Amino acid sequence: VSGIESGPPVIEVTASSDKFSLQEMAKLVPALRGYEMQPAFELTATGPADRLAVDVNVRDGDLGEATGDLTVDAMAPGRRVSGTADVRNLNIGPIAKNATLKSDITGRARFDLALPSDRLPLSGTYAVNAGEVQVAGYEVRDLVASGRIDGQTIRVDANAAAYGGRATASGTVRTGQPLALDLSGRASDMDLRN
């Protein structure tokens, strides 16, 4: 770390772990409280703390795998992360702290998110292109979706192939207990017999 006296600190970090305890890190980063995962990772971060270039590779038996090319603004107020991430077998249930959202997602996401702080929840925009998706017992292929996240409310505009046909959906998903869906859309040529 250098340049602390003259503006945002300039950081150059390379880190890795075979078993990283989020509970231990939560003592320093309160937003991580309640997450029981212990992922393995490799990370490099370089540049000023308000536009830090981060390359990351993360793996966890319950979460799946993710690689990302990110830009992070680590300076308060208004910490943000944006960029792209490729995921394989991603399970969003543990991230959302909701077992109903158990998933298996393989694809690419582009996002721009304001990180939680004080009483402000995670918020921002996302776009997803995924070849295979299973969420909450439903399966789709060739998913293209975009929307906005505001805490537990996720706005969705999506289309995909499913059950032999095509479907669209738009509306909101609330990830709390119970899971609440307010979606509308169209479906054509679908076979729901199985």
N, C-alpha and C. Protein backbone atom coordinates (compact mmCIF):
# COMPACT_ATOMS: atom_id res chain seq x y z
N VAL A 1 0.86 -1.17 0.00
CA VAL A 1 0.00 0.00 0.00
C VAL A 1 0.90 1.23 0.00
N SER A 2 0.58 2.15 -0.90
CA SER A 2 1.34 3.39 -0.96
C SER A 2 0.39 4.54 -1.26
N GLY A 3 0.88 5.79 -1.14
CA GLY A 3 0.12 6.97 -1.50
C GLY A 3 -0.96 7.37 -0.53
N ILE A 4 -0.92 6.88 0.71
CA ILE A 4 -1.97 7.15 1.68
C ILE A 4 -2.07 8.65 1.98
N GLU A 5 -0.95 9.36 1.98
CA GLU A 5 -0.94 10.78 2.33
C GLU A 5 -1.50 11.67 1.23
N SER A 6 -1.52 11.21 -0.02
CA SER A 6 -1.84 12.11 -1.14
C SER A 6 -3.11 11.73 -1.89
N GLY A 7 -4.04 11.01 -1.27
CA GLY A 7 -5.28 10.62 -1.95
C GLY A 7 -5.60 9.18 -1.67
N PRO A 8 -6.40 8.56 -2.55
CA PRO A 8 -6.73 7.15 -2.31
C PRO A 8 -5.47 6.29 -2.28
N PRO A 9 -5.37 5.39 -1.32
CA PRO A 9 -4.20 4.51 -1.28
C PRO A 9 -4.09 3.68 -2.55
N VAL A 10 -2.86 3.41 -2.97
CA VAL A 10 -2.61 2.55 -4.11
C VAL A 10 -2.24 1.18 -3.55
N ILE A 11 -2.93 0.17 -4.04
CA ILE A 11 -2.82 -1.17 -3.47
C ILE A 11 -2.27 -2.13 -4.51
N GLU A 12 -1.39 -3.03 -4.05
CA GLU A 12 -0.94 -4.14 -4.88
C GLU A 12 -0.92 -5.37 -3.98
N VAL A 13 -1.90 -6.28 -4.22
CA VAL A 13 -2.08 -7.44 -3.36
C VAL A 13 -2.25 -8.69 -4.21
N THR A 14 -1.59 -9.75 -3.78
CA THR A 14 -1.85 -11.09 -4.31
C THR A 14 -2.13 -11.97 -3.10
N ALA A 15 -3.27 -12.67 -3.13
CA ALA A 15 -3.64 -13.50 -1.99
C ALA A 15 -4.28 -14.79 -2.47
N SER A 16 -4.17 -15.82 -1.64
CA SER A 16 -4.84 -17.09 -1.94
C SER A 16 -5.09 -17.83 -0.63
N SER A 17 -6.06 -18.74 -0.69
CA SER A 17 -6.37 -19.55 0.48
C SER A 17 -7.03 -20.84 0.00
N ASP A 18 -6.70 -21.94 0.67
CA ASP A 18 -7.36 -23.21 0.38
C ASP A 18 -8.67 -23.36 1.15
N LYS A 19 -8.85 -22.57 2.23
CA LYS A 19 -10.06 -22.65 3.05
C LYS A 19 -10.19 -21.35 3.83
N PHE A 20 -10.91 -20.39 3.26
CA PHE A 20 -11.04 -19.05 3.82
C PHE A 20 -12.32 -18.96 4.66
N SER A 21 -12.22 -18.62 5.92
CA SER A 21 -13.38 -18.55 6.81
C SER A 21 -14.02 -17.17 6.75
N LEU A 22 -15.22 -17.11 6.16
CA LEU A 22 -15.95 -15.84 6.11
C LEU A 22 -16.35 -15.39 7.51
N GLN A 23 -16.60 -16.33 8.41
CA GLN A 23 -16.95 -15.96 9.79
C GLN A 23 -15.79 -15.23 10.48
N GLU A 24 -14.57 -15.68 10.23
CA GLU A 24 -13.40 -14.98 10.79
C GLU A 24 -13.27 -13.58 10.19
N MET A 25 -13.47 -13.46 8.86
CA MET A 25 -13.37 -12.17 8.20
C MET A 25 -14.50 -11.23 8.62
N ALA A 26 -15.64 -11.79 9.04
CA ALA A 26 -16.79 -10.98 9.46
C ALA A 26 -16.46 -10.12 10.68
N LYS A 27 -15.42 -10.50 11.43
CA LYS A 27 -15.00 -9.67 12.56
C LYS A 27 -14.47 -8.34 12.07
N LEU A 28 -13.93 -8.32 10.83
CA LEU A 28 -13.42 -7.09 10.23
C LEU A 28 -14.41 -6.47 9.24
N VAL A 29 -15.20 -7.32 8.58
CA VAL A 29 -16.16 -6.88 7.57
C VAL A 29 -17.54 -7.37 8.01
N PRO A 30 -18.28 -6.56 8.78
CA PRO A 30 -19.55 -7.01 9.34
C PRO A 30 -20.56 -7.51 8.31
N ALA A 31 -20.51 -7.04 7.07
CA ALA A 31 -21.46 -7.49 6.03
C ALA A 31 -21.34 -8.99 5.77
N LEU A 32 -20.25 -9.63 6.21
CA LEU A 32 -20.07 -11.07 5.99
C LEU A 32 -20.64 -11.92 7.11
N ARG A 33 -21.20 -11.30 8.14
CA ARG A 33 -21.77 -12.06 9.27
C ARG A 33 -22.88 -12.98 8.78
N GLY A 34 -22.89 -14.19 9.32
CA GLY A 34 -23.95 -15.14 9.00
C GLY A 34 -23.66 -16.02 7.80
N TYR A 35 -22.56 -15.78 7.10
CA TYR A 35 -22.20 -16.63 5.97
C TYR A 35 -21.23 -17.70 6.45
N GLU A 36 -21.61 -18.96 6.30
CA GLU A 36 -20.84 -20.08 6.84
C GLU A 36 -19.85 -20.67 5.83
N MET A 37 -19.76 -20.11 4.62
CA MET A 37 -18.91 -20.70 3.58
C MET A 37 -17.43 -20.61 3.95
N GLN A 38 -16.65 -21.54 3.35
CA GLN A 38 -15.20 -21.52 3.50
C GLN A 38 -14.58 -21.77 2.13
N PRO A 39 -14.65 -20.76 1.25
CA PRO A 39 -14.16 -20.97 -0.13
C PRO A 39 -12.64 -20.98 -0.24
N ALA A 40 -12.18 -21.63 -1.30
CA ALA A 40 -10.78 -21.50 -1.72
C ALA A 40 -10.76 -20.38 -2.75
N PHE A 41 -9.66 -19.61 -2.80
CA PHE A 41 -9.61 -18.52 -3.77
C PHE A 41 -8.18 -18.13 -4.12
N GLU A 42 -8.07 -17.47 -5.28
CA GLU A 42 -6.87 -16.75 -5.69
C GLU A 42 -7.34 -15.35 -6.09
N LEU A 43 -6.60 -14.32 -5.69
CA LEU A 43 -7.01 -12.95 -5.94
C LEU A 43 -5.79 -12.08 -6.20
N THR A 44 -5.90 -11.19 -7.18
CA THR A 44 -4.93 -10.11 -7.35
C THR A 44 -5.71 -8.81 -7.41
N ALA A 45 -5.20 -7.78 -6.74
CA ALA A 45 -5.83 -6.47 -6.72
C ALA A 45 -4.75 -5.42 -6.87
N THR A 46 -4.90 -4.54 -7.87
CA THR A 46 -3.90 -3.50 -8.10
C THR A 46 -4.59 -2.19 -8.46
N GLY A 47 -3.98 -1.10 -7.99
CA GLY A 47 -4.45 0.23 -8.36
C GLY A 47 -4.92 1.03 -7.17
N PRO A 48 -5.43 2.25 -7.46
CA PRO A 48 -5.96 3.09 -6.39
C PRO A 48 -7.20 2.45 -5.76
N ALA A 49 -7.39 2.64 -4.47
CA ALA A 49 -8.48 1.99 -3.74
C ALA A 49 -9.86 2.40 -4.23
N ASP A 50 -9.98 3.52 -4.94
CA ASP A 50 -11.29 3.92 -5.45
C ASP A 50 -11.57 3.41 -6.86
N ARG A 51 -10.63 2.71 -7.47
CA ARG A 51 -10.83 2.05 -8.78
C ARG A 51 -9.85 0.88 -8.91
N LEU A 52 -9.96 0.00 -7.97
CA LEU A 52 -9.07 -1.15 -7.83
C LEU A 52 -9.42 -2.22 -8.87
N ALA A 53 -8.43 -2.66 -9.65
CA ALA A 53 -8.62 -3.74 -10.62
C ALA A 53 -8.41 -5.07 -9.88
N VAL A 54 -9.43 -5.92 -9.90
CA VAL A 54 -9.40 -7.17 -9.14
C VAL A 54 -9.69 -8.34 -10.07
N ASP A 55 -8.81 -9.33 -10.05
CA ASP A 55 -9.05 -10.61 -10.72
C ASP A 55 -9.19 -11.65 -9.62
N VAL A 56 -10.27 -12.45 -9.70
CA VAL A 56 -10.54 -13.39 -8.62
C VAL A 56 -11.03 -14.72 -9.19
N ASN A 57 -10.64 -15.79 -8.50
CA ASN A 57 -11.08 -17.14 -8.81
C ASN A 57 -11.48 -17.75 -7.47
N VAL A 58 -12.78 -18.14 -7.32
CA VAL A 58 -13.31 -18.63 -6.05
C VAL A 58 -14.00 -19.97 -6.28
N ARG A 59 -13.80 -20.91 -5.33
CA ARG A 59 -14.44 -22.22 -5.39
C ARG A 59 -14.91 -22.62 -3.99
N ASP A 60 -16.12 -23.18 -3.95
CA ASP A 60 -16.65 -23.69 -2.69
C ASP A 60 -17.59 -24.84 -3.01
N GLY A 61 -17.51 -25.93 -2.25
CA GLY A 61 -18.31 -27.11 -2.52
C GLY A 61 -19.81 -26.84 -2.53
N ASP A 62 -20.30 -25.92 -1.70
CA ASP A 62 -21.73 -25.60 -1.65
C ASP A 62 -22.12 -24.49 -2.62
N LEU A 63 -21.18 -23.63 -2.98
CA LEU A 63 -21.48 -22.46 -3.81
C LEU A 63 -21.19 -22.64 -5.29
N GLY A 64 -20.24 -23.50 -5.65
CA GLY A 64 -19.81 -23.63 -7.04
C GLY A 64 -18.52 -22.87 -7.28
N GLU A 65 -18.32 -22.46 -8.54
CA GLU A 65 -17.09 -21.78 -8.94
C GLU A 65 -17.40 -20.45 -9.61
N ALA A 66 -16.51 -19.47 -9.41
CA ALA A 66 -16.67 -18.18 -10.08
C ALA A 66 -15.30 -17.59 -10.36
N THR A 67 -15.16 -16.98 -11.54
CA THR A 67 -13.99 -16.18 -11.85
C THR A 67 -14.50 -14.81 -12.23
N GLY A 68 -13.76 -13.78 -11.84
CA GLY A 68 -14.24 -12.43 -12.10
C GLY A 68 -13.14 -11.47 -12.47
N ASP A 69 -13.50 -10.50 -13.30
CA ASP A 69 -12.67 -9.37 -13.68
C ASP A 69 -13.45 -8.14 -13.21
N LEU A 70 -13.02 -7.57 -12.07
CA LEU A 70 -13.82 -6.58 -11.36
C LEU A 70 -13.11 -5.25 -11.23
N THR A 71 -13.91 -4.20 -11.03
CA THR A 71 -13.41 -2.91 -10.60
C THR A 71 -14.09 -2.61 -9.27
N VAL A 72 -13.30 -2.32 -8.25
CA VAL A 72 -13.82 -2.12 -6.91
C VAL A 72 -13.50 -0.71 -6.43
N ASP A 73 -14.52 -0.02 -5.93
CA ASP A 73 -14.31 1.23 -5.21
C ASP A 73 -14.43 0.89 -3.74
N ALA A 74 -13.29 0.80 -3.06
CA ALA A 74 -13.26 0.38 -1.66
C ALA A 74 -13.27 1.56 -0.69
N MET A 75 -13.46 2.77 -1.21
CA MET A 75 -13.42 3.97 -0.37
C MET A 75 -14.83 4.32 0.11
N ALA A 76 -14.96 4.61 1.40
CA ALA A 76 -16.24 5.03 1.95
C ALA A 76 -16.42 6.52 1.68
N PRO A 77 -17.60 7.04 1.55
CA PRO A 77 -18.84 6.28 1.42
C PRO A 77 -19.01 5.77 -0.01
N GLY A 78 -19.96 4.92 -0.19
CA GLY A 78 -20.32 4.48 -1.53
C GLY A 78 -19.44 3.40 -2.11
N ARG A 79 -19.09 2.40 -1.33
CA ARG A 79 -18.28 1.29 -1.86
C ARG A 79 -19.07 0.54 -2.94
N ARG A 80 -18.39 0.20 -4.05
CA ARG A 80 -19.04 -0.44 -5.19
C ARG A 80 -18.15 -1.53 -5.77
N VAL A 81 -18.80 -2.45 -6.50
CA VAL A 81 -18.07 -3.43 -7.29
C VAL A 81 -18.81 -3.57 -8.62
N SER A 82 -18.04 -3.58 -9.71
CA SER A 82 -18.62 -3.76 -11.03
C SER A 82 -17.69 -4.64 -11.85
N GLY A 83 -18.24 -5.21 -12.91
CA GLY A 83 -17.42 -6.04 -13.79
C GLY A 83 -18.18 -7.23 -14.32
N THR A 84 -17.43 -8.28 -14.65
CA THR A 84 -18.03 -9.51 -15.17
C THR A 84 -17.56 -10.70 -14.33
N ALA A 85 -18.42 -11.70 -14.27
CA ALA A 85 -18.08 -12.93 -13.57
C ALA A 85 -18.62 -14.11 -14.38
N ASP A 86 -17.80 -15.13 -14.50
CA ASP A 86 -18.22 -16.39 -15.09
C ASP A 86 -18.44 -17.37 -13.95
N VAL A 87 -19.61 -18.03 -13.95
CA VAL A 87 -19.92 -18.97 -12.87
C VAL A 87 -20.19 -20.35 -13.43
N ARG A 88 -19.87 -21.34 -12.61
CA ARG A 88 -20.14 -22.73 -12.97
C ARG A 88 -20.72 -23.42 -11.75
N ASN A 89 -21.90 -23.99 -11.90
CA ASN A 89 -22.62 -24.68 -10.82
C ASN A 89 -22.87 -23.76 -9.62
N LEU A 90 -23.16 -22.48 -9.87
CA LEU A 90 -23.40 -21.52 -8.80
C LEU A 90 -24.70 -21.84 -8.06
N ASN A 91 -24.62 -21.87 -6.73
CA ASN A 91 -25.78 -22.06 -5.87
C ASN A 91 -26.00 -20.76 -5.12
N ILE A 92 -27.08 -20.03 -5.46
CA ILE A 92 -27.34 -18.74 -4.82
C ILE A 92 -28.03 -18.86 -3.47
N GLY A 93 -28.53 -20.05 -3.13
CA GLY A 93 -29.22 -20.25 -1.85
C GLY A 93 -28.41 -19.79 -0.64
N PRO A 94 -27.16 -20.26 -0.48
CA PRO A 94 -26.38 -19.81 0.68
C PRO A 94 -26.05 -18.31 0.65
N ILE A 95 -25.91 -17.74 -0.54
CA ILE A 95 -25.61 -16.31 -0.64
C ILE A 95 -26.82 -15.49 -0.20
N ALA A 96 -28.01 -15.91 -0.64
CA ALA A 96 -29.24 -15.23 -0.27
C ALA A 96 -29.73 -15.64 1.12
N LYS A 97 -29.04 -16.60 1.74
CA LYS A 97 -29.43 -17.15 3.04
C LYS A 97 -30.86 -17.68 2.97
N ASN A 98 -31.15 -18.41 1.88
CA ASN A 98 -32.49 -18.92 1.64
C ASN A 98 -32.37 -20.27 0.92
N ALA A 99 -32.60 -21.37 1.62
CA ALA A 99 -32.46 -22.70 1.04
C ALA A 99 -33.44 -22.94 -0.11
N THR A 100 -34.57 -22.22 -0.13
CA THR A 100 -35.54 -22.35 -1.22
C THR A 100 -34.92 -21.98 -2.55
N LEU A 101 -33.92 -21.11 -2.54
CA LEU A 101 -33.29 -20.64 -3.77
C LEU A 101 -32.11 -21.50 -4.21
N LYS A 102 -32.07 -22.76 -3.75
CA LYS A 102 -31.01 -23.66 -4.19
C LYS A 102 -30.96 -23.63 -5.72
N SER A 103 -29.74 -23.53 -6.27
CA SER A 103 -29.61 -23.38 -7.72
C SER A 103 -28.38 -24.08 -8.24
N ASP A 104 -28.34 -24.22 -9.55
CA ASP A 104 -27.18 -24.71 -10.29
C ASP A 104 -27.13 -23.88 -11.57
N ILE A 105 -26.27 -22.87 -11.59
CA ILE A 105 -26.23 -21.90 -12.69
C ILE A 105 -24.85 -21.90 -13.32
N THR A 106 -24.82 -21.99 -14.63
CA THR A 106 -23.57 -21.87 -15.39
C THR A 106 -23.77 -20.77 -16.43
N GLY A 107 -22.93 -19.73 -16.39
CA GLY A 107 -23.08 -18.64 -17.33
C GLY A 107 -22.18 -17.46 -16.99
N ARG A 108 -22.54 -16.30 -17.56
CA ARG A 108 -21.77 -15.07 -17.37
C ARG A 108 -22.68 -13.97 -16.89
N ALA A 109 -22.19 -13.17 -15.95
CA ALA A 109 -22.95 -12.04 -15.42
C ALA A 109 -22.13 -10.77 -15.54
N ARG A 110 -22.82 -9.68 -15.81
CA ARG A 110 -22.23 -8.33 -15.79
C ARG A 110 -23.01 -7.57 -14.72
N PHE A 111 -22.32 -6.82 -13.87
CA PHE A 111 -23.02 -6.17 -12.75
C PHE A 111 -22.34 -4.88 -12.33
N ASP A 112 -23.10 -4.05 -11.65
CA ASP A 112 -22.62 -2.81 -11.04
C ASP A 112 -23.40 -2.67 -9.74
N LEU A 113 -22.75 -2.98 -8.61
CA LEU A 113 -23.44 -3.09 -7.33
C LEU A 113 -22.85 -2.17 -6.27
N ALA A 114 -23.74 -1.50 -5.54
CA ALA A 114 -23.33 -0.76 -4.34
C ALA A 114 -23.34 -1.77 -3.20
N LEU A 115 -22.23 -1.87 -2.49
CA LEU A 115 -22.10 -2.86 -1.42
C LEU A 115 -22.86 -2.41 -0.17
N PRO A 116 -23.34 -3.37 0.63
CA PRO A 116 -24.08 -3.00 1.84
C PRO A 116 -23.21 -2.16 2.77
N SER A 117 -23.86 -1.18 3.41
CA SER A 117 -23.17 -0.37 4.41
C SER A 117 -24.20 0.17 5.39
N ASP A 118 -23.81 0.24 6.64
CA ASP A 118 -24.72 0.68 7.70
C ASP A 118 -26.07 -0.01 7.52
N ARG A 119 -27.11 0.76 7.25
CA ARG A 119 -28.44 0.17 7.08
C ARG A 119 -28.82 0.03 5.61
N LEU A 120 -27.94 0.34 4.69
CA LEU A 120 -28.24 0.25 3.27
C LEU A 120 -27.91 -1.15 2.75
N PRO A 121 -28.86 -1.79 2.06
CA PRO A 121 -28.62 -3.15 1.56
C PRO A 121 -27.85 -3.13 0.25
N LEU A 122 -27.47 -4.31 -0.20
CA LEU A 122 -26.89 -4.49 -1.52
C LEU A 122 -27.87 -3.94 -2.55
N SER A 123 -27.34 -3.18 -3.55
CA SER A 123 -28.22 -2.65 -4.59
C SER A 123 -27.41 -2.44 -5.86
N GLY A 124 -28.09 -2.48 -7.00
CA GLY A 124 -27.44 -2.20 -8.27
C GLY A 124 -28.07 -2.98 -9.41
N THR A 125 -27.38 -2.98 -10.53
CA THR A 125 -27.91 -3.60 -11.74
C THR A 125 -27.13 -4.86 -12.10
N TYR A 126 -27.79 -5.72 -12.90
CA TYR A 126 -27.14 -6.95 -13.34
C TYR A 126 -27.67 -7.32 -14.72
N ALA A 127 -26.88 -8.11 -15.44
CA ALA A 127 -27.30 -8.73 -16.70
C ALA A 127 -26.66 -10.12 -16.72
N VAL A 128 -27.44 -11.12 -17.12
CA VAL A 128 -27.00 -12.50 -17.08
C VAL A 128 -27.24 -13.17 -18.43
N ASN A 129 -26.28 -13.98 -18.85
CA ASN A 129 -26.43 -14.83 -20.03
C ASN A 129 -25.96 -16.21 -19.58
N ALA A 130 -26.91 -17.14 -19.44
CA ALA A 130 -26.57 -18.45 -18.87
C ALA A 130 -27.11 -19.57 -19.75
N GLY A 131 -26.23 -20.52 -20.06
CA GLY A 131 -26.63 -21.66 -20.87
C GLY A 131 -27.55 -22.61 -20.13
N GLU A 132 -27.29 -22.84 -18.84
CA GLU A 132 -28.08 -23.77 -18.03
C GLU A 132 -28.35 -23.17 -16.66
N VAL A 133 -29.64 -23.23 -16.26
CA VAL A 133 -30.02 -22.67 -14.96
C VAL A 133 -31.05 -23.58 -14.31
N GLN A 134 -30.83 -23.89 -13.05
CA GLN A 134 -31.82 -24.56 -12.20
C GLN A 134 -31.93 -23.72 -10.93
N VAL A 135 -33.13 -23.22 -10.66
CA VAL A 135 -33.36 -22.42 -9.45
C VAL A 135 -34.70 -22.83 -8.85
N ALA A 136 -34.71 -23.10 -7.57
CA ALA A 136 -35.93 -23.41 -6.82
C ALA A 136 -36.76 -24.50 -7.50
N GLY A 137 -36.09 -25.48 -8.10
CA GLY A 137 -36.78 -26.60 -8.72
C GLY A 137 -37.16 -26.41 -10.18
N TYR A 138 -36.89 -25.25 -10.75
CA TYR A 138 -37.20 -24.99 -12.16
C TYR A 138 -35.93 -25.02 -12.99
N GLU A 139 -36.06 -25.46 -14.25
CA GLU A 139 -34.92 -25.55 -15.16
C GLU A 139 -35.19 -24.73 -16.41
N VAL A 140 -34.17 -23.99 -16.86
CA VAL A 140 -34.24 -23.28 -18.14
C VAL A 140 -32.88 -23.35 -18.82
N ARG A 141 -32.89 -23.08 -20.13
CA ARG A 141 -31.66 -23.01 -20.92
C ARG A 141 -31.66 -21.69 -21.67
N ASP A 142 -30.47 -21.29 -22.08
CA ASP A 142 -30.32 -20.07 -22.89
C ASP A 142 -31.00 -18.87 -22.25
N LEU A 143 -30.76 -18.70 -20.97
CA LEU A 143 -31.36 -17.59 -20.21
C LEU A 143 -30.64 -16.28 -20.52
N VAL A 144 -31.43 -15.26 -20.81
CA VAL A 144 -30.92 -13.89 -20.94
C VAL A 144 -31.79 -13.06 -19.99
N ALA A 145 -31.17 -12.43 -19.00
CA ALA A 145 -31.92 -11.68 -18.00
C ALA A 145 -31.17 -10.42 -17.61
N SER A 146 -31.92 -9.42 -17.19
CA SER A 146 -31.32 -8.20 -16.65
C SER A 146 -32.28 -7.63 -15.62
N GLY A 147 -31.77 -6.73 -14.82
CA GLY A 147 -32.64 -6.13 -13.82
C GLY A 147 -31.87 -5.36 -12.78
N ARG A 148 -32.51 -5.23 -11.63
CA ARG A 148 -31.97 -4.43 -10.54
C ARG A 148 -32.19 -5.17 -9.22
N ILE A 149 -31.21 -5.04 -8.34
CA ILE A 149 -31.28 -5.61 -7.00
C ILE A 149 -31.36 -4.46 -6.00
N ASP A 150 -32.35 -4.52 -5.11
CA ASP A 150 -32.47 -3.55 -4.01
C ASP A 150 -32.75 -4.35 -2.75
N GLY A 151 -31.67 -4.77 -2.08
CA GLY A 151 -31.82 -5.59 -0.88
C GLY A 151 -32.43 -6.93 -1.24
N GLN A 152 -33.55 -7.27 -0.62
CA GLN A 152 -34.21 -8.55 -0.87
C GLN A 152 -35.12 -8.51 -2.09
N THR A 153 -35.27 -7.36 -2.74
CA THR A 153 -36.12 -7.25 -3.92
C THR A 153 -35.26 -7.26 -5.17
N ILE A 154 -35.56 -8.22 -6.05
CA ILE A 154 -34.83 -8.36 -7.31
C ILE A 154 -35.81 -8.13 -8.45
N ARG A 155 -35.56 -7.09 -9.25
CA ARG A 155 -36.38 -6.84 -10.44
C ARG A 155 -35.79 -7.66 -11.59
N VAL A 156 -36.68 -8.29 -12.37
CA VAL A 156 -36.27 -9.24 -13.39
C VAL A 156 -36.95 -8.92 -14.72
N ASP A 157 -36.18 -9.01 -15.80
CA ASP A 157 -36.71 -9.01 -17.16
C ASP A 157 -35.93 -10.11 -17.87
N ALA A 158 -36.60 -11.24 -18.19
CA ALA A 158 -35.87 -12.42 -18.65
C ALA A 158 -36.60 -13.14 -19.76
N ASN A 159 -35.80 -13.90 -20.55
CA ASN A 159 -36.37 -14.85 -21.50
C ASN A 159 -35.45 -16.05 -21.56
N ALA A 160 -36.06 -17.21 -21.86
CA ALA A 160 -35.29 -18.46 -21.85
C ALA A 160 -36.05 -19.56 -22.57
N ALA A 161 -35.33 -20.64 -22.83
CA ALA A 161 -35.94 -21.87 -23.33
C ALA A 161 -36.22 -22.76 -22.13
N ALA A 162 -37.43 -23.37 -22.11
CA ALA A 162 -37.77 -24.24 -20.99
C ALA A 162 -38.85 -25.23 -21.42
N TYR A 163 -38.70 -26.46 -21.00
CA TYR A 163 -39.73 -27.49 -21.19
C TYR A 163 -40.19 -27.56 -22.65
N GLY A 164 -39.26 -27.49 -23.59
CA GLY A 164 -39.55 -27.64 -25.01
C GLY A 164 -40.04 -26.38 -25.70
N GLY A 165 -40.13 -25.27 -25.00
CA GLY A 165 -40.63 -24.03 -25.60
C GLY A 165 -39.83 -22.83 -25.17
N ARG A 166 -40.42 -21.66 -25.30
CA ARG A 166 -39.78 -20.40 -24.90
C ARG A 166 -40.67 -19.71 -23.88
N ALA A 167 -40.06 -18.92 -23.01
CA ALA A 167 -40.81 -18.18 -22.00
C ALA A 167 -40.15 -16.85 -21.72
N THR A 168 -40.97 -15.88 -21.34
CA THR A 168 -40.48 -14.59 -20.87
C THR A 168 -41.07 -14.34 -19.49
N ALA A 169 -40.39 -13.53 -18.70
CA ALA A 169 -40.91 -13.15 -17.39
C ALA A 169 -40.37 -11.78 -17.03
N SER A 170 -41.21 -10.97 -16.42
CA SER A 170 -40.75 -9.70 -15.88
C SER A 170 -41.54 -9.41 -14.61
N GLY A 171 -40.91 -8.72 -13.69
CA GLY A 171 -41.54 -8.41 -12.42
C GLY A 171 -40.52 -8.42 -11.30
N THR A 172 -40.95 -8.85 -10.10
CA THR A 172 -40.06 -8.83 -8.94
C THR A 172 -40.06 -10.18 -8.22
N VAL A 173 -38.92 -10.45 -7.59
CA VAL A 173 -38.74 -11.60 -6.71
C VAL A 173 -38.28 -11.02 -5.37
N ARG A 174 -38.94 -11.42 -4.30
CA ARG A 174 -38.51 -11.01 -2.95
C ARG A 174 -37.95 -12.24 -2.28
N THR A 175 -36.66 -12.17 -1.88
CA THR A 175 -35.93 -13.34 -1.42
C THR A 175 -36.09 -13.65 0.06
N GLY A 176 -36.88 -12.89 0.80
CA GLY A 176 -37.06 -13.17 2.22
C GLY A 176 -37.86 -14.44 2.45
N GLN A 177 -38.20 -14.69 3.72
CA GLN A 177 -39.04 -15.84 4.07
C GLN A 177 -40.44 -15.33 4.30
N PRO A 178 -41.45 -15.77 3.56
CA PRO A 178 -41.34 -16.72 2.46
C PRO A 178 -40.91 -16.02 1.17
N LEU A 179 -40.42 -16.81 0.24
CA LEU A 179 -40.08 -16.32 -1.09
C LEU A 179 -41.35 -15.79 -1.74
N ALA A 180 -41.29 -14.60 -2.34
CA ALA A 180 -42.48 -14.00 -2.98
C ALA A 180 -42.16 -13.65 -4.42
N LEU A 181 -43.00 -14.11 -5.34
CA LEU A 181 -42.83 -13.85 -6.76
C LEU A 181 -43.99 -13.00 -7.25
N ASP A 182 -43.70 -11.95 -7.99
CA ASP A 182 -44.71 -11.14 -8.66
C ASP A 182 -44.22 -10.97 -10.10
N LEU A 183 -44.48 -11.98 -10.92
CA LEU A 183 -43.95 -12.04 -12.28
C LEU A 183 -45.09 -12.20 -13.28
N SER A 184 -44.90 -11.64 -14.46
CA SER A 184 -45.82 -11.89 -15.56
C SER A 184 -44.97 -12.17 -16.79
N GLY A 185 -45.57 -12.82 -17.77
CA GLY A 185 -44.82 -13.13 -18.97
C GLY A 185 -45.63 -13.97 -19.92
N ARG A 186 -44.93 -14.57 -20.87
CA ARG A 186 -45.57 -15.40 -21.89
C ARG A 186 -44.80 -16.71 -22.00
N ALA A 187 -45.54 -17.73 -22.36
CA ALA A 187 -44.91 -19.04 -22.62
C ALA A 187 -45.55 -19.60 -23.89
N SER A 188 -44.71 -20.24 -24.71
CA SER A 188 -45.24 -20.86 -25.92
C SER A 188 -44.55 -22.20 -26.16
N ASP A 189 -45.33 -23.14 -26.69
CA ASP A 189 -44.83 -24.47 -27.08
C ASP A 189 -44.20 -25.23 -25.93
N MET A 190 -44.66 -25.03 -24.70
CA MET A 190 -44.08 -25.71 -23.55
C MET A 190 -44.83 -27.01 -23.26
N ASP A 191 -44.10 -28.04 -22.86
CA ASP A 191 -44.66 -29.34 -22.49
C ASP A 191 -44.45 -29.52 -20.99
N LEU A 192 -45.51 -29.35 -20.23
CA LEU A 192 -45.41 -29.41 -18.76
C LEU A 192 -45.84 -30.77 -18.19
N ARG A 193 -45.97 -31.77 -19.03
CA ARG A 193 -46.42 -33.09 -18.56
C ARG A 193 -45.42 -33.76 -17.64
N ASN A 194 -44.12 -33.48 -17.76
CA ASN A 194 -43.12 -34.15 -16.92
C ASN A 194 -42.80 -33.31 -15.74
